[in-house]
C-alpha atoms as a PDB file:
ATOM      1  CA  MET A   1      -3.194 -28.388  19.457  1.00  0.00           C
ATOM      2  CA  ALA A   2      -1.025 -25.843  21.254  1.00  0.00           C
ATOM      3  CA  THR A   3       2.715 -26.145  21.046  1.00  0.00           C
ATOM      4  CA  PRO A   4       4.588 -26.117  24.338  1.00  0.00           C
ATOM      5  CA  ALA A   5       6.187 -22.803  25.190  1.00  0.00           C
ATOM      6  CA  GLN A   6       9.930 -22.574  24.918  1.00  0.00           C
ATOM      7  CA  PHE A   7      11.742 -20.293  27.326  1.00  0.00           C
ATOM      8  CA  LYS A   8      15.016 -18.449  26.825  1.00  0.00           C
ATOM      9  CA  PRO A   9      17.051 -16.558  29.401  1.00  0.00           C
ATOM     10  CA  TYR A  10      16.964 -12.778  29.179  1.00  0.00           C
ATOM     11  CA  THR A  11      18.649 -10.097  31.261  1.00  0.00           C
ATOM     12  CA  ASP A  12      16.305  -7.216  31.995  1.00  0.00           C
ATOM     13  CA  ASN A  13      17.273  -3.580  32.617  1.00  0.00           C
ATOM     14  CA  PHE A  14      18.272  -4.206  36.216  1.00  0.00           C
ATOM     15  CA  GLY A  15      20.549  -7.153  35.495  1.00  0.00           C
ATOM     16  CA  SER A  16      18.145  -9.806  36.764  1.00  0.00           C
ATOM     17  CA  LEU A  17      18.070 -13.016  34.823  1.00  0.00           C
ATOM     18  CA  THR A  18      14.536 -13.912  33.794  1.00  0.00           C
ATOM     19  CA  LEU A  19      12.972 -16.402  31.430  1.00  0.00           C
ATOM     20  CA  HIS A  20      10.745 -15.255  28.597  1.00  0.00           C
ATOM     21  CA  ALA A  21       8.624 -17.421  26.331  1.00  0.00           C
ATOM     22  CA  THR A  22       9.436 -17.520  22.649  1.00  0.00           C
ATOM     23  CA  ILE A  23       6.690 -16.730  20.164  1.00  0.00           C
ATOM     24  CA  LEU A  24       5.213 -20.050  19.008  1.00  0.00           C
ATOM     25  CA  GLY A  25       8.602 -21.688  19.448  1.00  0.00           C
ATOM     26  CA  ASP A  26      10.207 -19.794  16.566  1.00  0.00           C
ATOM     27  CA  GLY A  27      13.272 -18.875  18.602  1.00  0.00           C
ATOM     28  CA  ALA A  28      12.579 -15.119  18.802  1.00  0.00           C
ATOM     29  CA  VAL A  29      12.531 -13.788  22.348  1.00  0.00           C
ATOM     30  CA  MET A  30       9.658 -11.415  23.102  1.00  0.00           C
ATOM     31  CA  THR A  31      10.923  -9.226  25.909  1.00  0.00           C
ATOM     32  CA  PRO A  32       8.613  -6.961  27.914  1.00  0.00           C
ATOM     33  CA  GLU A  33      10.177  -3.951  26.183  1.00  0.00           C
ATOM     34  CA  ASP A  34       9.461  -5.445  22.753  1.00  0.00           C
ATOM     35  CA  HIS A  35       5.892  -6.223  23.799  1.00  0.00           C
ATOM     36  CA  ARG A  36       5.434  -2.638  25.022  1.00  0.00           C
ATOM     37  CA  LYS A  37       6.753  -1.286  21.695  1.00  0.00           C
ATOM     38  CA  HIS A  38       4.244  -3.399  19.774  1.00  0.00           C
ATOM     39  CA  ILE A  39       1.372  -2.259  21.982  1.00  0.00           C
ATOM     40  CA  ASN A  40       2.415   1.405  21.629  1.00  0.00           C
ATOM     41  CA  MET A  41       2.582   1.023  17.845  1.00  0.00           C
ATOM     42  CA  LEU A  42      -0.933  -0.423  17.803  1.00  0.00           C
ATOM     43  CA  VAL A  43      -2.200   2.460  19.951  1.00  0.00           C
ATOM     44  CA  VAL A  44      -0.685   5.023  17.564  1.00  0.00           C
ATOM     45  CA  ILE A  45      -2.197   3.267  14.535  1.00  0.00           C
ATOM     46  CA  ALA A  46      -5.598   3.130  16.250  1.00  0.00           C
ATOM     47  CA  ALA A  47      -5.407   6.853  17.095  1.00  0.00           C
ATOM     48  CA  ILE A  48      -4.549   7.792  13.505  1.00  0.00           C
ATOM     49  CA  LEU A  49      -7.350   5.616  12.121  1.00  0.00           C
ATOM     50  CA  SER A  50      -9.856   7.087  14.573  1.00  0.00           C
ATOM     51  CA  LEU A  51      -8.891  10.610  13.478  1.00  0.00           C
ATOM     52  CA  ILE A  52      -9.371   9.638   9.837  1.00  0.00           C
ATOM     53  CA  VAL A  53     -12.783   8.129  10.624  1.00  0.00           C
ATOM     54  CA  ALA A  54     -13.776  11.280  12.562  1.00  0.00           C
ATOM     55  CA  VAL A  55     -12.827  13.533   9.640  1.00  0.00           C
ATOM     56  CA  VAL A  56     -14.723  11.370   7.147  1.00  0.00           C
ATOM     57  CA  ALA A  57     -17.759  11.284   9.458  1.00  0.00           C
ATOM     58  CA  ALA A  58     -17.701  15.078   9.864  1.00  0.00           C
ATOM     59  CA  TYR A  59     -17.491  15.505   6.087  1.00  0.00           C
ATOM     60  CA  GLY A  60     -20.383  13.083   5.527  1.00  0.00           C
ATOM     61  CA  LEU A  61     -22.486  14.783   8.208  1.00  0.00           C
ATOM     62  CA  ASP A  62     -21.777  18.178   6.656  1.00  0.00           C
ATOM     63  CA  LYS A  63     -22.826  16.946   3.221  1.00  0.00           C
ATOM     64  CA  MET A  64     -25.958  15.347   4.652  1.00  0.00           C
ATOM     65  CA  VAL A  65     -27.081  18.336   6.734  1.00  0.00           C
ATOM     66  CA  PHE A  66     -26.337  21.053   4.186  1.00  0.00           C
ATOM     67  CA  ALA A  67     -27.291  19.126   1.033  1.00  0.00           C
ATOM     68  CA  GLY A  68     -30.305  21.397   0.419  1.00  0.00           C
ATOM     69  CA  HIS A  69     -28.087  24.478   0.223  1.00  0.00           C
ATOM     70  CA  ASP A  70     -25.863  23.084  -2.488  1.00  0.00           C
ATOM     71  CA  ARG A  71     -26.884  24.986  -5.635  1.00  0.00           C
ATOM     72  CA  THR A  72     -24.408  23.414  -8.046  1.00  0.00           C
ATOM     73  CA  GLY A  73     -26.008  21.752 -10.999  1.00  0.00           C
ATOM     74  CA  GLN A  74     -29.386  23.423 -10.480  1.00  0.00           C
ATOM     75  CA  PRO A  75     -30.705  25.957 -13.001  1.00  0.00           C
ATOM     76  CA  ALA A  76     -30.754  29.602 -11.893  1.00  0.00           C
ATOM     77  CA  LEU A  77     -34.178  31.064 -11.312  1.00  0.00           C
ATOM     78  CA  ALA A  78     -35.113  34.084 -13.377  1.00  0.00           C
ATOM     79  CA  TYR A  79     -37.824  36.734 -13.111  1.00  0.00           C
ATOM     80  CA  ASN A  80     -38.421  38.874 -16.211  1.00  0.00           C
ATOM     81  CA  GLY A  81     -35.011  37.872 -17.567  1.00  0.00           C
ATOM     82  CA  MET A  82     -33.144  38.839 -14.360  1.00  0.00           C
ATOM     83  CA  ALA A  83     -31.355  36.160 -12.313  1.00  0.00           C
ATOM     84  CA  VAL A  84     -32.844  35.675  -8.840  1.00  0.00           C
ATOM     85  CA  ASP A  85     -30.540  34.982  -5.926  1.00  0.00           C
ATOM     86  CA  THR A  86     -32.345  32.402  -3.802  1.00  0.00           C
ATOM     87  CA  ASP A  87     -29.697  31.955  -1.099  1.00  0.00           C
END
């Protein structure tokens, strides 16, 4: 069941008196400026996370595409005792 919204007076940047709803009746006033700050913070966090995901995806794609060229851990080929460069 939803709790009824409680409103508190707030003076905005231009001096106009407006009413803003409190968050779940806890007494904290959520002004439009505060709401904008929260949204901007979420956008920045989403941008950082998307960059991290893009870097991890590029690394995984690189490992997947060039996995056949990775010669670590494989024995070197030899012909008559001489090492053969297969790259």
